[in-house]
mmCIF file of all heavy atoms, coordinates in Angstrom:
data_MODEL
# 
_entry.id   MODEL 
# 
loop_
_atom_site.group_PDB 
_atom_site.id 
_atom_site.type_symbol 
_atom_site.label_atom_id 
_atom_site.label_alt_id 
_atom_site.label_comp_id 
_atom_site.label_asym_id 
_atom_site.label_entity_id 
_atom_site.label_seq_id 
_atom_site.pdbx_PDB_ins_code 
_atom_site.Cartn_x 
_atom_site.Cartn_y 
_atom_site.Cartn_z 
_atom_site.occupancy 
_atom_site.B_iso_or_equiv 
_atom_site.pdbx_formal_charge 
_atom_site.auth_seq_id 
_atom_site.auth_comp_id 
_atom_site.auth_asym_id 
_atom_site.auth_atom_id 
_atom_site.pdbx_PDB_model_num 
ATOM 1   N N   . ARG A 1 1  ? 0.810  -1.205 0.000  1.00 0.00 ? 1  ARG A N   1 
ATOM 2   C CA  . ARG A 1 1  ? 0.000  0.000  0.000  1.00 0.00 ? 1  ARG A CA  1 
ATOM 3   C C   . ARG A 1 1  ? 0.852  1.268  0.000  1.00 0.00 ? 1  ARG A C   1 
ATOM 4   O O   . ARG A 1 1  ? 0.388  2.330  -0.429 1.00 0.00 ? 1  ARG A O   1 
ATOM 5   C CB  . ARG A 1 1  ? -0.919 -0.005 1.221  1.00 0.00 ? 1  ARG A CB  1 
ATOM 6   C CG  . ARG A 1 1  ? -1.949 -1.143 1.182  1.00 0.00 ? 1  ARG A CG  1 
ATOM 7   C CD  . ARG A 1 1  ? -2.835 -1.119 2.419  1.00 0.00 ? 1  ARG A CD  1 
ATOM 8   N NE  . ARG A 1 1  ? -3.843 -2.180 2.359  1.00 0.00 ? 1  ARG A NE  1 
ATOM 9   C CZ  . ARG A 1 1  ? -4.720 -2.425 3.340  1.00 0.00 ? 1  ARG A CZ  1 
ATOM 10  N NH1 . ARG A 1 1  ? -4.695 -1.672 4.440  1.00 0.00 ? 1  ARG A NH1 1 
ATOM 11  N NH2 . ARG A 1 1  ? -5.597 -3.404 3.208  1.00 0.00 ? 1  ARG A NH2 1 
ATOM 12  N N   . ILE A 1 2  ? 2.065  1.159  0.497  1.00 0.00 ? 2  ILE A N   1 
ATOM 13  C CA  . ILE A 1 2  ? 2.967  2.308  0.502  1.00 0.00 ? 2  ILE A CA  1 
ATOM 14  C C   . ILE A 1 2  ? 3.479  2.540  -0.916 1.00 0.00 ? 2  ILE A C   1 
ATOM 15  O O   . ILE A 1 2  ? 3.701  1.596  -1.678 1.00 0.00 ? 2  ILE A O   1 
ATOM 16  C CB  . ILE A 1 2  ? 4.138  2.076  1.480  1.00 0.00 ? 2  ILE A CB  1 
ATOM 17  C CG1 . ILE A 1 2  ? 3.605  1.898  2.907  1.00 0.00 ? 2  ILE A CG1 1 
ATOM 18  C CG2 . ILE A 1 2  ? 5.125  3.241  1.434  1.00 0.00 ? 2  ILE A CG2 1 
ATOM 19  C CD1 . ILE A 1 2  ? 4.680  1.602  3.928  1.00 0.00 ? 2  ILE A CD1 1 
ATOM 20  N N   . ASN A 1 3  ? 3.686  3.793  -1.250 1.00 0.00 ? 3  ASN A N   1 
ATOM 21  C CA  . ASN A 1 3  ? 4.143  4.158  -2.590 1.00 0.00 ? 3  ASN A CA  1 
ATOM 22  C C   . ASN A 1 3  ? 5.401  3.379  -2.964 1.00 0.00 ? 3  ASN A C   1 
ATOM 23  O O   . ASN A 1 3  ? 6.362  3.308  -2.199 1.00 0.00 ? 3  ASN A O   1 
ATOM 24  C CB  . ASN A 1 3  ? 4.430  5.664  -2.632 1.00 0.00 ? 3  ASN A CB  1 
ATOM 25  C CG  . ASN A 1 3  ? 4.564  6.167  -4.052 1.00 0.00 ? 3  ASN A CG  1 
ATOM 26  O OD1 . ASN A 1 3  ? 5.129  5.503  -4.913 1.00 0.00 ? 3  ASN A OD1 1 
ATOM 27  N ND2 . ASN A 1 3  ? 4.037  7.361  -4.299 1.00 0.00 ? 3  ASN A ND2 1 
ATOM 28  N N   . GLN A 1 4  ? 5.384  2.823  -4.181 1.00 0.00 ? 4  GLN A N   1 
ATOM 29  C CA  . GLN A 1 4  ? 6.521  2.024  -4.648 1.00 0.00 ? 4  GLN A CA  1 
ATOM 30  C C   . GLN A 1 4  ? 7.802  2.848  -4.774 1.00 0.00 ? 4  GLN A C   1 
ATOM 31  O O   . GLN A 1 4  ? 8.912  2.312  -4.645 1.00 0.00 ? 4  GLN A O   1 
ATOM 32  C CB  . GLN A 1 4  ? 6.193  1.409  -6.009 1.00 0.00 ? 4  GLN A CB  1 
ATOM 33  C CG  . GLN A 1 4  ? 4.968  0.502  -5.992 1.00 0.00 ? 4  GLN A CG  1 
ATOM 34  C CD  . GLN A 1 4  ? 5.194  -0.760 -5.167 1.00 0.00 ? 4  GLN A CD  1 
ATOM 35  O OE1 . GLN A 1 4  ? 5.967  -1.633 -5.534 1.00 0.00 ? 4  GLN A OE1 1 
ATOM 36  N NE2 . GLN A 1 4  ? 4.524  -0.847 -4.040 1.00 0.00 ? 4  GLN A NE2 1 
ATOM 37  N N   . VAL A 1 5  ? 7.668  4.140  -5.011 1.00 0.00 ? 5  VAL A N   1 
ATOM 38  C CA  . VAL A 1 5  ? 8.844  5.009  -5.121 1.00 0.00 ? 5  VAL A CA  1 
ATOM 39  C C   . VAL A 1 5  ? 9.619  5.029  -3.808 1.00 0.00 ? 5  VAL A C   1 
ATOM 40  O O   . VAL A 1 5  ? 10.854 5.078  -3.799 1.00 0.00 ? 5  VAL A O   1 
ATOM 41  C CB  . VAL A 1 5  ? 8.426  6.436  -5.524 1.00 0.00 ? 5  VAL A CB  1 
ATOM 42  C CG1 . VAL A 1 5  ? 9.631  7.369  -5.549 1.00 0.00 ? 5  VAL A CG1 1 
ATOM 43  C CG2 . VAL A 1 5  ? 7.734  6.418  -6.882 1.00 0.00 ? 5  VAL A CG2 1 
ATOM 44  N N   . PHE A 1 6  ? 8.882  4.973  -2.698 1.00 0.00 ? 6  PHE A N   1 
ATOM 45  C CA  . PHE A 1 6  ? 9.535  4.964  -1.384 1.00 0.00 ? 6  PHE A CA  1 
ATOM 46  C C   . PHE A 1 6  ? 10.409 3.728  -1.233 1.00 0.00 ? 6  PHE A C   1 
ATOM 47  O O   . PHE A 1 6  ? 11.571 3.816  -0.805 1.00 0.00 ? 6  PHE A O   1 
ATOM 48  C CB  . PHE A 1 6  ? 8.469  5.004  -0.281 1.00 0.00 ? 6  PHE A CB  1 
ATOM 49  C CG  . PHE A 1 6  ? 9.018  4.813  1.105  1.00 0.00 ? 6  PHE A CG  1 
ATOM 50  C CD1 . PHE A 1 6  ? 9.676  5.852  1.746  1.00 0.00 ? 6  PHE A CD1 1 
ATOM 51  C CD2 . PHE A 1 6  ? 8.892  3.595  1.761  1.00 0.00 ? 6  PHE A CD2 1 
ATOM 52  C CE1 . PHE A 1 6  ? 10.195 5.679  3.020  1.00 0.00 ? 6  PHE A CE1 1 
ATOM 53  C CE2 . PHE A 1 6  ? 9.397  3.420  3.034  1.00 0.00 ? 6  PHE A CE2 1 
ATOM 54  C CZ  . PHE A 1 6  ? 10.050 4.464  3.664  1.00 0.00 ? 6  PHE A CZ  1 
ATOM 55  N N   . TYR A 1 7  ? 9.865  2.578  -1.598 1.00 0.00 ? 7  TYR A N   1 
ATOM 56  C CA  . TYR A 1 7  ? 10.648 1.342  -1.526 1.00 0.00 ? 7  TYR A CA  1 
ATOM 57  C C   . TYR A 1 7  ? 11.861 1.410  -2.454 1.00 0.00 ? 7  TYR A C   1 
ATOM 58  O O   . TYR A 1 7  ? 12.964 0.961  -2.110 1.00 0.00 ? 7  TYR A O   1 
ATOM 59  C CB  . TYR A 1 7  ? 9.780  0.145  -1.898 1.00 0.00 ? 7  TYR A CB  1 
ATOM 60  C CG  . TYR A 1 7  ? 8.821  -0.290 -0.823 1.00 0.00 ? 7  TYR A CG  1 
ATOM 61  C CD1 . TYR A 1 7  ? 7.466  -0.014 -0.920 1.00 0.00 ? 7  TYR A CD1 1 
ATOM 62  C CD2 . TYR A 1 7  ? 9.269  -0.989 0.291  1.00 0.00 ? 7  TYR A CD2 1 
ATOM 63  C CE1 . TYR A 1 7  ? 6.573  -0.412 0.054  1.00 0.00 ? 7  TYR A CE1 1 
ATOM 64  C CE2 . TYR A 1 7  ? 8.383  -1.391 1.277  1.00 0.00 ? 7  TYR A CE2 1 
ATOM 65  C CZ  . TYR A 1 7  ? 7.034  -1.104 1.154  1.00 0.00 ? 7  TYR A CZ  1 
ATOM 66  O OH  . TYR A 1 7  ? 6.164  -1.504 2.139  1.00 0.00 ? 7  TYR A OH  1 
ATOM 67  N N   . GLY A 1 8  ? 11.654 1.957  -3.645 1.00 0.00 ? 8  GLY A N   1 
ATOM 68  C CA  . GLY A 1 8  ? 12.756 2.071  -4.591 1.00 0.00 ? 8  GLY A CA  1 
ATOM 69  C C   . GLY A 1 8  ? 13.860 2.977  -4.075 1.00 0.00 ? 8  GLY A C   1 
ATOM 70  O O   . GLY A 1 8  ? 15.049 2.681  -4.244 1.00 0.00 ? 8  GLY A O   1 
ATOM 71  N N   . PHE A 1 9  ? 13.477 4.071  -3.421 1.00 0.00 ? 9  PHE A N   1 
ATOM 72  C CA  . PHE A 1 9  ? 14.474 4.990  -2.857 1.00 0.00 ? 9  PHE A CA  1 
ATOM 73  C C   . PHE A 1 9  ? 15.281 4.302  -1.758 1.00 0.00 ? 9  PHE A C   1 
ATOM 74  O O   . PHE A 1 9  ? 16.512 4.451  -1.691 1.00 0.00 ? 9  PHE A O   1 
ATOM 75  C CB  . PHE A 1 9  ? 13.780 6.239  -2.306 1.00 0.00 ? 9  PHE A CB  1 
ATOM 76  C CG  . PHE A 1 9  ? 14.708 7.174  -1.584 1.00 0.00 ? 9  PHE A CG  1 
ATOM 77  C CD1 . PHE A 1 9  ? 15.557 8.011  -2.291 1.00 0.00 ? 9  PHE A CD1 1 
ATOM 78  C CD2 . PHE A 1 9  ? 14.728 7.197  -0.196 1.00 0.00 ? 9  PHE A CD2 1 
ATOM 79  C CE1 . PHE A 1 9  ? 16.426 8.872  -1.615 1.00 0.00 ? 9  PHE A CE1 1 
ATOM 80  C CE2 . PHE A 1 9  ? 15.594 8.049  0.487  1.00 0.00 ? 9  PHE A CE2 1 
ATOM 81  C CZ  . PHE A 1 9  ? 16.438 8.886  -0.232 1.00 0.00 ? 9  PHE A CZ  1 
ATOM 82  N N   . ILE A 1 10 ? 14.606 3.550  -0.897 1.00 0.00 ? 10 ILE A N   1 
ATOM 83  C CA  . ILE A 1 10 ? 15.301 2.838  0.183  1.00 0.00 ? 10 ILE A CA  1 
ATOM 84  C C   . ILE A 1 10 ? 16.266 1.803  -0.395 1.00 0.00 ? 10 ILE A C   1 
ATOM 85  O O   . ILE A 1 10 ? 17.397 1.639  0.087  1.00 0.00 ? 10 ILE A O   1 
ATOM 86  C CB  . ILE A 1 10 ? 14.294 2.160  1.129  1.00 0.00 ? 10 ILE A CB  1 
ATOM 87  C CG1 . ILE A 1 10 ? 13.420 3.208  1.814  1.00 0.00 ? 10 ILE A CG1 1 
ATOM 88  C CG2 . ILE A 1 10 ? 15.020 1.317  2.176  1.00 0.00 ? 10 ILE A CG2 1 
ATOM 89  C CD1 . ILE A 1 10 ? 14.179 4.166  2.702  1.00 0.00 ? 10 ILE A CD1 1 
ATOM 90  N N   . LEU A 1 11 ? 15.843 1.117  -1.465 1.00 0.00 ? 11 LEU A N   1 
ATOM 91  C CA  . LEU A 1 11 ? 16.714 0.120  -2.099 1.00 0.00 ? 11 LEU A CA  1 
ATOM 92  C C   . LEU A 1 11 ? 17.961 0.781  -2.688 1.00 0.00 ? 11 LEU A C   1 
ATOM 93  O O   . LEU A 1 11 ? 19.081 0.262  -2.552 1.00 0.00 ? 11 LEU A O   1 
ATOM 94  C CB  . LEU A 1 11 ? 15.956 -0.627 -3.198 1.00 0.00 ? 11 LEU A CB  1 
ATOM 95  C CG  . LEU A 1 11 ? 15.147 -1.848 -2.763 1.00 0.00 ? 11 LEU A CG  1 
ATOM 96  C CD1 . LEU A 1 11 ? 14.423 -2.438 -3.965 1.00 0.00 ? 11 LEU A CD1 1 
ATOM 97  C CD2 . LEU A 1 11 ? 16.049 -2.892 -2.126 1.00 0.00 ? 11 LEU A CD2 1 
ATOM 98  N N   . ALA A 1 12 ? 17.783 1.927  -3.345 1.00 0.00 ? 12 ALA A N   1 
ATOM 99  C CA  . ALA A 1 12 ? 18.936 2.646  -3.898 1.00 0.00 ? 12 ALA A CA  1 
ATOM 100 C C   . ALA A 1 12 ? 19.885 3.074  -2.783 1.00 0.00 ? 12 ALA A C   1 
ATOM 101 O O   . ALA A 1 12 ? 21.115 3.008  -2.935 1.00 0.00 ? 12 ALA A O   1 
ATOM 102 C CB  . ALA A 1 12 ? 18.466 3.859  -4.689 1.00 0.00 ? 12 ALA A CB  1 
ATOM 103 N N   . LEU A 1 13 ? 19.324 3.472  -1.648 1.00 0.00 ? 13 LEU A N   1 
ATOM 104 C CA  . LEU A 1 13 ? 20.144 3.858  -0.501 1.00 0.00 ? 13 LEU A CA  1 
ATOM 105 C C   . LEU A 1 13 ? 20.912 2.646  0.040  1.00 0.00 ? 13 LEU A C   1 
ATOM 106 O O   . LEU A 1 13 ? 22.091 2.756  0.410  1.00 0.00 ? 13 LEU A O   1 
ATOM 107 C CB  . LEU A 1 13 ? 19.250 4.448  0.594  1.00 0.00 ? 13 LEU A CB  1 
ATOM 108 C CG  . LEU A 1 13 ? 19.942 5.144  1.768  1.00 0.00 ? 13 LEU A CG  1 
ATOM 109 C CD1 . LEU A 1 13 ? 20.772 6.318  1.269  1.00 0.00 ? 13 LEU A CD1 1 
ATOM 110 C CD2 . LEU A 1 13 ? 18.901 5.611  2.786  1.00 0.00 ? 13 LEU A CD2 1 
ATOM 111 N N   . ILE A 1 14 ? 20.256 1.486  0.072  1.00 0.00 ? 14 ILE A N   1 
ATOM 112 C CA  . ILE A 1 14 ? 20.921 0.262  0.535  1.00 0.00 ? 14 ILE A CA  1 
ATOM 113 C C   . ILE A 1 14 ? 22.087 -0.097 -0.372 1.00 0.00 ? 14 ILE A C   1 
ATOM 114 O O   . ILE A 1 14 ? 23.181 -0.444 0.097  1.00 0.00 ? 14 ILE A O   1 
ATOM 115 C CB  . ILE A 1 14 ? 19.909 -0.895 0.598  1.00 0.00 ? 14 ILE A CB  1 
ATOM 116 C CG1 . ILE A 1 14 ? 18.907 -0.668 1.738  1.00 0.00 ? 14 ILE A CG1 1 
ATOM 117 C CG2 . ILE A 1 14 ? 20.618 -2.238 0.789  1.00 0.00 ? 14 ILE A CG2 1 
ATOM 118 C CD1 . ILE A 1 14 ? 17.765 -1.662 1.757  1.00 0.00 ? 14 ILE A CD1 1 
ATOM 119 N N   . TYR A 1 15 ? 21.871 -0.005 -1.686 1.00 0.00 ? 15 TYR A N   1 
ATOM 120 C CA  . TYR A 1 15 ? 22.942 -0.327 -2.626 1.00 0.00 ? 15 TYR A CA  1 
ATOM 121 C C   . TYR A 1 15 ? 24.114 0.647  -2.499 1.00 0.00 ? 15 TYR A C   1 
ATOM 122 O O   . TYR A 1 15 ? 25.279 0.257  -2.657 1.00 0.00 ? 15 TYR A O   1 
ATOM 123 C CB  . TYR A 1 15 ? 22.414 -0.331 -4.060 1.00 0.00 ? 15 TYR A CB  1 
ATOM 124 C CG  . TYR A 1 15 ? 21.591 -1.543 -4.398 1.00 0.00 ? 15 TYR A CG  1 
ATOM 125 C CD1 . TYR A 1 15 ? 20.291 -1.415 -4.880 1.00 0.00 ? 15 TYR A CD1 1 
ATOM 126 C CD2 . TYR A 1 15 ? 22.114 -2.831 -4.242 1.00 0.00 ? 15 TYR A CD2 1 
ATOM 127 C CE1 . TYR A 1 15 ? 19.530 -2.542 -5.197 1.00 0.00 ? 15 TYR A CE1 1 
ATOM 128 C CE2 . TYR A 1 15 ? 21.359 -3.948 -4.557 1.00 0.00 ? 15 TYR A CE2 1 
ATOM 129 C CZ  . TYR A 1 15 ? 20.067 -3.798 -5.042 1.00 0.00 ? 15 TYR A CZ  1 
ATOM 130 O OH  . TYR A 1 15 ? 19.325 -4.904 -5.346 1.00 0.00 ? 15 TYR A OH  1 
ATOM 131 N N   . SER A 1 16 ? 23.816 1.918  -2.223 1.00 0.00 ? 16 SER A N   1 
ATOM 132 C CA  . SER A 1 16 ? 24.895 2.895  -2.055 1.00 0.00 ? 16 SER A CA  1 
ATOM 133 C C   . SER A 1 16 ? 25.695 2.601  -0.790 1.00 0.00 ? 16 SER A C   1 
ATOM 134 O O   . SER A 1 16 ? 26.928 2.749  -0.769 1.00 0.00 ? 16 SER A O   1 
ATOM 135 C CB  . SER A 1 16 ? 24.333 4.317  -2.009 1.00 0.00 ? 16 SER A CB  1 
ATOM 136 O OG  . SER A 1 16 ? 23.623 4.551  -0.805 1.00 0.00 ? 16 SER A OG  1 
ATOM 137 N N   . MET A 1 17 ? 25.012 2.155  0.264  1.00 0.00 ? 17 MET A N   1 
ATOM 138 C CA  . MET A 1 17 ? 25.721 1.803  1.505  1.00 0.00 ? 17 MET A CA  1 
ATOM 139 C C   . MET A 1 17 ? 26.546 0.527  1.330  1.00 0.00 ? 17 MET A C   1 
ATOM 140 O O   . MET A 1 17 ? 27.635 0.398  1.898  1.00 0.00 ? 17 MET A O   1 
ATOM 141 C CB  . MET A 1 17 ? 24.707 1.613  2.639  1.00 0.00 ? 17 MET A CB  1 
ATOM 142 C CG  . MET A 1 17 ? 24.052 2.895  3.086  1.00 0.00 ? 17 MET A CG  1 
ATOM 143 S SD  . MET A 1 17 ? 22.815 2.640  4.362  1.00 0.00 ? 17 MET A SD  1 
ATOM 144 C CE  . MET A 1 17 ? 22.257 4.322  4.620  1.00 0.00 ? 17 MET A CE  1 
ATOM 145 N N   . LYS A 1 18 ? 26.029 -0.391 0.521  1.00 0.00 ? 18 LYS A N   1 
ATOM 146 C CA  . LYS A 1 18 ? 26.808 -1.595 0.217  1.00 0.00 ? 18 LYS A CA  1 
ATOM 147 C C   . LYS A 1 18 ? 28.081 -1.209 -0.525 1.00 0.00 ? 18 LYS A C   1 
ATOM 148 O O   . LYS A 1 18 ? 29.168 -1.754 -0.253 1.00 0.00 ? 18 LYS A O   1 
ATOM 149 C CB  . LYS A 1 18 ? 25.968 -2.549 -0.634 1.00 0.00 ? 18 LYS A CB  1 
ATOM 150 C CG  . LYS A 1 18 ? 26.718 -3.790 -1.090 1.00 0.00 ? 18 LYS A CG  1 
ATOM 151 C CD  . LYS A 1 18 ? 25.917 -4.559 -2.115 1.00 0.00 ? 18 LYS A CD  1 
ATOM 152 C CE  . LYS A 1 18 ? 26.764 -5.628 -2.772 1.00 0.00 ? 18 LYS A CE  1 
ATOM 153 N NZ  . LYS A 1 18 ? 26.069 -6.310 -3.880 1.00 0.00 ? 18 LYS A NZ  1 
ATOM 154 N N   . PHE A 1 19 ? 27.976 -0.271 -1.467 1.00 0.00 ? 19 PHE A N   1 
ATOM 155 C CA  . PHE A 1 19 ? 29.143 0.241  -2.179 1.00 0.00 ? 19 PHE A CA  1 
ATOM 156 C C   . PHE A 1 19 ? 30.168 0.795  -1.184 1.00 0.00 ? 19 PHE A C   1 
ATOM 157 O O   . PHE A 1 19 ? 31.376 0.533  -1.296 1.00 0.00 ? 19 PHE A O   1 
ATOM 158 C CB  . PHE A 1 19 ? 28.699 1.333  -3.153 1.00 0.00 ? 19 PHE A CB  1 
ATOM 159 C CG  . PHE A 1 19 ? 29.815 2.012  -3.901 1.00 0.00 ? 19 PHE A CG  1 
ATOM 160 C CD1 . PHE A 1 19 ? 30.177 1.568  -5.164 1.00 0.00 ? 19 PHE A CD1 1 
ATOM 161 C CD2 . PHE A 1 19 ? 30.484 3.094  -3.350 1.00 0.00 ? 19 PHE A CD2 1 
ATOM 162 C CE1 . PHE A 1 19 ? 31.208 2.198  -5.859 1.00 0.00 ? 19 PHE A CE1 1 
ATOM 163 C CE2 . PHE A 1 19 ? 31.514 3.718  -4.034 1.00 0.00 ? 19 PHE A CE2 1 
ATOM 164 C CZ  . PHE A 1 19 ? 31.878 3.261  -5.292 1.00 0.00 ? 19 PHE A CZ  1 
ATOM 165 N N   . THR A 1 20 ? 29.687 1.538  -0.190 1.00 0.00 ? 20 THR A N   1 
ATOM 166 C CA  . THR A 1 20 ? 30.573 2.115  0.824  1.00 0.00 ? 20 THR A CA  1 
ATOM 167 C C   . THR A 1 20 ? 31.268 1.041  1.637  1.00 0.00 ? 20 THR A C   1 
ATOM 168 O O   . THR A 1 20 ? 32.478 1.122  1.893  1.00 0.00 ? 20 THR A O   1 
ATOM 169 C CB  . THR A 1 20 ? 29.769 3.036  1.755  1.00 0.00 ? 20 THR A CB  1 
ATOM 170 O OG1 . THR A 1 20 ? 29.117 4.050  0.990  1.00 0.00 ? 20 THR A OG1 1 
ATOM 171 C CG2 . THR A 1 20 ? 30.663 3.685  2.785  1.00 0.00 ? 20 THR A CG2 1 
ATOM 172 N N   . VAL A 1 21 ? 30.514 0.017  2.047  1.00 0.00 ? 21 VAL A N   1 
ATOM 173 C CA  . VAL A 1 21 ? 31.099 -1.076 2.835  1.00 0.00 ? 21 VAL A CA  1 
ATOM 174 C C   . VAL A 1 21 ? 32.195 -1.786 2.043  1.00 0.00 ? 21 VAL A C   1 
ATOM 175 O O   . VAL A 1 21 ? 33.285 -2.064 2.567  1.00 0.00 ? 21 VAL A O   1 
ATOM 176 C CB  . VAL A 1 21 ? 30.005 -2.084 3.257  1.00 0.00 ? 21 VAL A CB  1 
ATOM 177 C CG1 . VAL A 1 21 ? 30.627 -3.338 3.861  1.00 0.00 ? 21 VAL A CG1 1 
ATOM 178 C CG2 . VAL A 1 21 ? 29.050 -1.437 4.256  1.00 0.00 ? 21 VAL A CG2 1 
ATOM 179 N N   . MET A 1 22 ? 31.932 -2.079 0.771  1.00 0.00 ? 22 MET A N   1 
ATOM 180 C CA  . MET A 1 22 ? 32.903 -2.798 -0.044 1.00 0.00 ? 22 MET A CA  1 
ATOM 181 C C   . MET A 1 22 ? 34.193 -1.989 -0.221 1.00 0.00 ? 22 MET A C   1 
ATOM 182 O O   . MET A 1 22 ? 35.296 -2.514 -0.079 1.00 0.00 ? 22 MET A O   1 
ATOM 183 C CB  . MET A 1 22 ? 32.311 -3.117 -1.423 1.00 0.00 ? 22 MET A CB  1 
ATOM 184 C CG  . MET A 1 22 ? 31.061 -4.008 -1.404 1.00 0.00 ? 22 MET A CG  1 
ATOM 185 S SD  . MET A 1 22 ? 31.321 -5.619 -0.644 1.00 0.00 ? 22 MET A SD  1 
ATOM 186 C CE  . MET A 1 22 ? 30.535 -5.392 0.955  1.00 0.00 ? 22 MET A CE  1 
ATOM 187 N N   . TRP A 1 23 ? 34.057 -0.697 -0.529 1.00 0.00 ? 23 TRP A N   1 
ATOM 188 C CA  . TRP A 1 23 ? 35.236 0.115  -0.790 1.00 0.00 ? 23 TRP A CA  1 
ATOM 189 C C   . TRP A 1 23 ? 35.980 0.481  0.486  1.00 0.00 ? 23 TRP A C   1 
ATOM 190 O O   . TRP A 1 23 ? 37.210 0.630  0.477  1.00 0.00 ? 23 TRP A O   1 
ATOM 191 C CB  . TRP A 1 23 ? 34.859 1.363  -1.573 1.00 0.00 ? 23 TRP A CB  1 
ATOM 192 C CG  . TRP A 1 23 ? 34.817 1.095  -3.050 1.00 0.00 ? 23 TRP A CG  1 
ATOM 193 C CD1 . TRP A 1 23 ? 33.708 0.915  -3.822 1.00 0.00 ? 23 TRP A CD1 1 
ATOM 194 C CD2 . TRP A 1 23 ? 35.939 0.934  -3.923 1.00 0.00 ? 23 TRP A CD2 1 
ATOM 195 N NE1 . TRP A 1 23 ? 34.069 0.653  -5.124 1.00 0.00 ? 23 TRP A NE1 1 
ATOM 196 C CE2 . TRP A 1 23 ? 35.430 0.657  -5.217 1.00 0.00 ? 23 TRP A CE2 1 
ATOM 197 C CE3 . TRP A 1 23 ? 37.320 0.987  -3.730 1.00 0.00 ? 23 TRP A CE3 1 
ATOM 198 C CZ2 . TRP A 1 23 ? 36.267 0.450  -6.306 1.00 0.00 ? 23 TRP A CZ2 1 
ATOM 199 C CZ3 . TRP A 1 23 ? 38.150 0.786  -4.822 1.00 0.00 ? 23 TRP A CZ3 1 
ATOM 200 C CH2 . TRP A 1 23 ? 37.628 0.517  -6.092 1.00 0.00 ? 23 TRP A CH2 1 
ATOM 201 N N   . ASP A 1 24 ? 35.273 0.645  1.599  1.00 0.00 ? 24 ASP A N   1 
ATOM 202 C CA  . ASP A 1 24 ? 35.955 0.870  2.884  1.00 0.00 ? 24 ASP A CA  1 
ATOM 203 C C   . ASP A 1 24 ? 36.799 -0.352 3.257  1.00 0.00 ? 24 ASP A C   1 
ATOM 204 O O   . ASP A 1 24 ? 37.921 -0.215 3.763  1.00 0.00 ? 24 ASP A O   1 
ATOM 205 C CB  . ASP A 1 24 ? 34.938 1.157  3.991  1.00 0.00 ? 24 ASP A CB  1 
ATOM 206 C CG  . ASP A 1 24 ? 34.472 2.604  3.981  1.00 0.00 ? 24 ASP A CG  1 
ATOM 207 O OD1 . ASP A 1 24 ? 35.080 3.425  3.266  1.00 0.00 ? 24 ASP A OD1 1 
ATOM 208 O OD2 . ASP A 1 24 ? 33.492 2.924  4.687  1.00 0.00 ? 24 ASP A OD2 1 
# 
């Protein structure tokens, strides 16, 4: 029921944090 854009934004944020973990 929650807007799909919200879920998509959270997923993009998760992938960016994964990028940070890998490079750190």
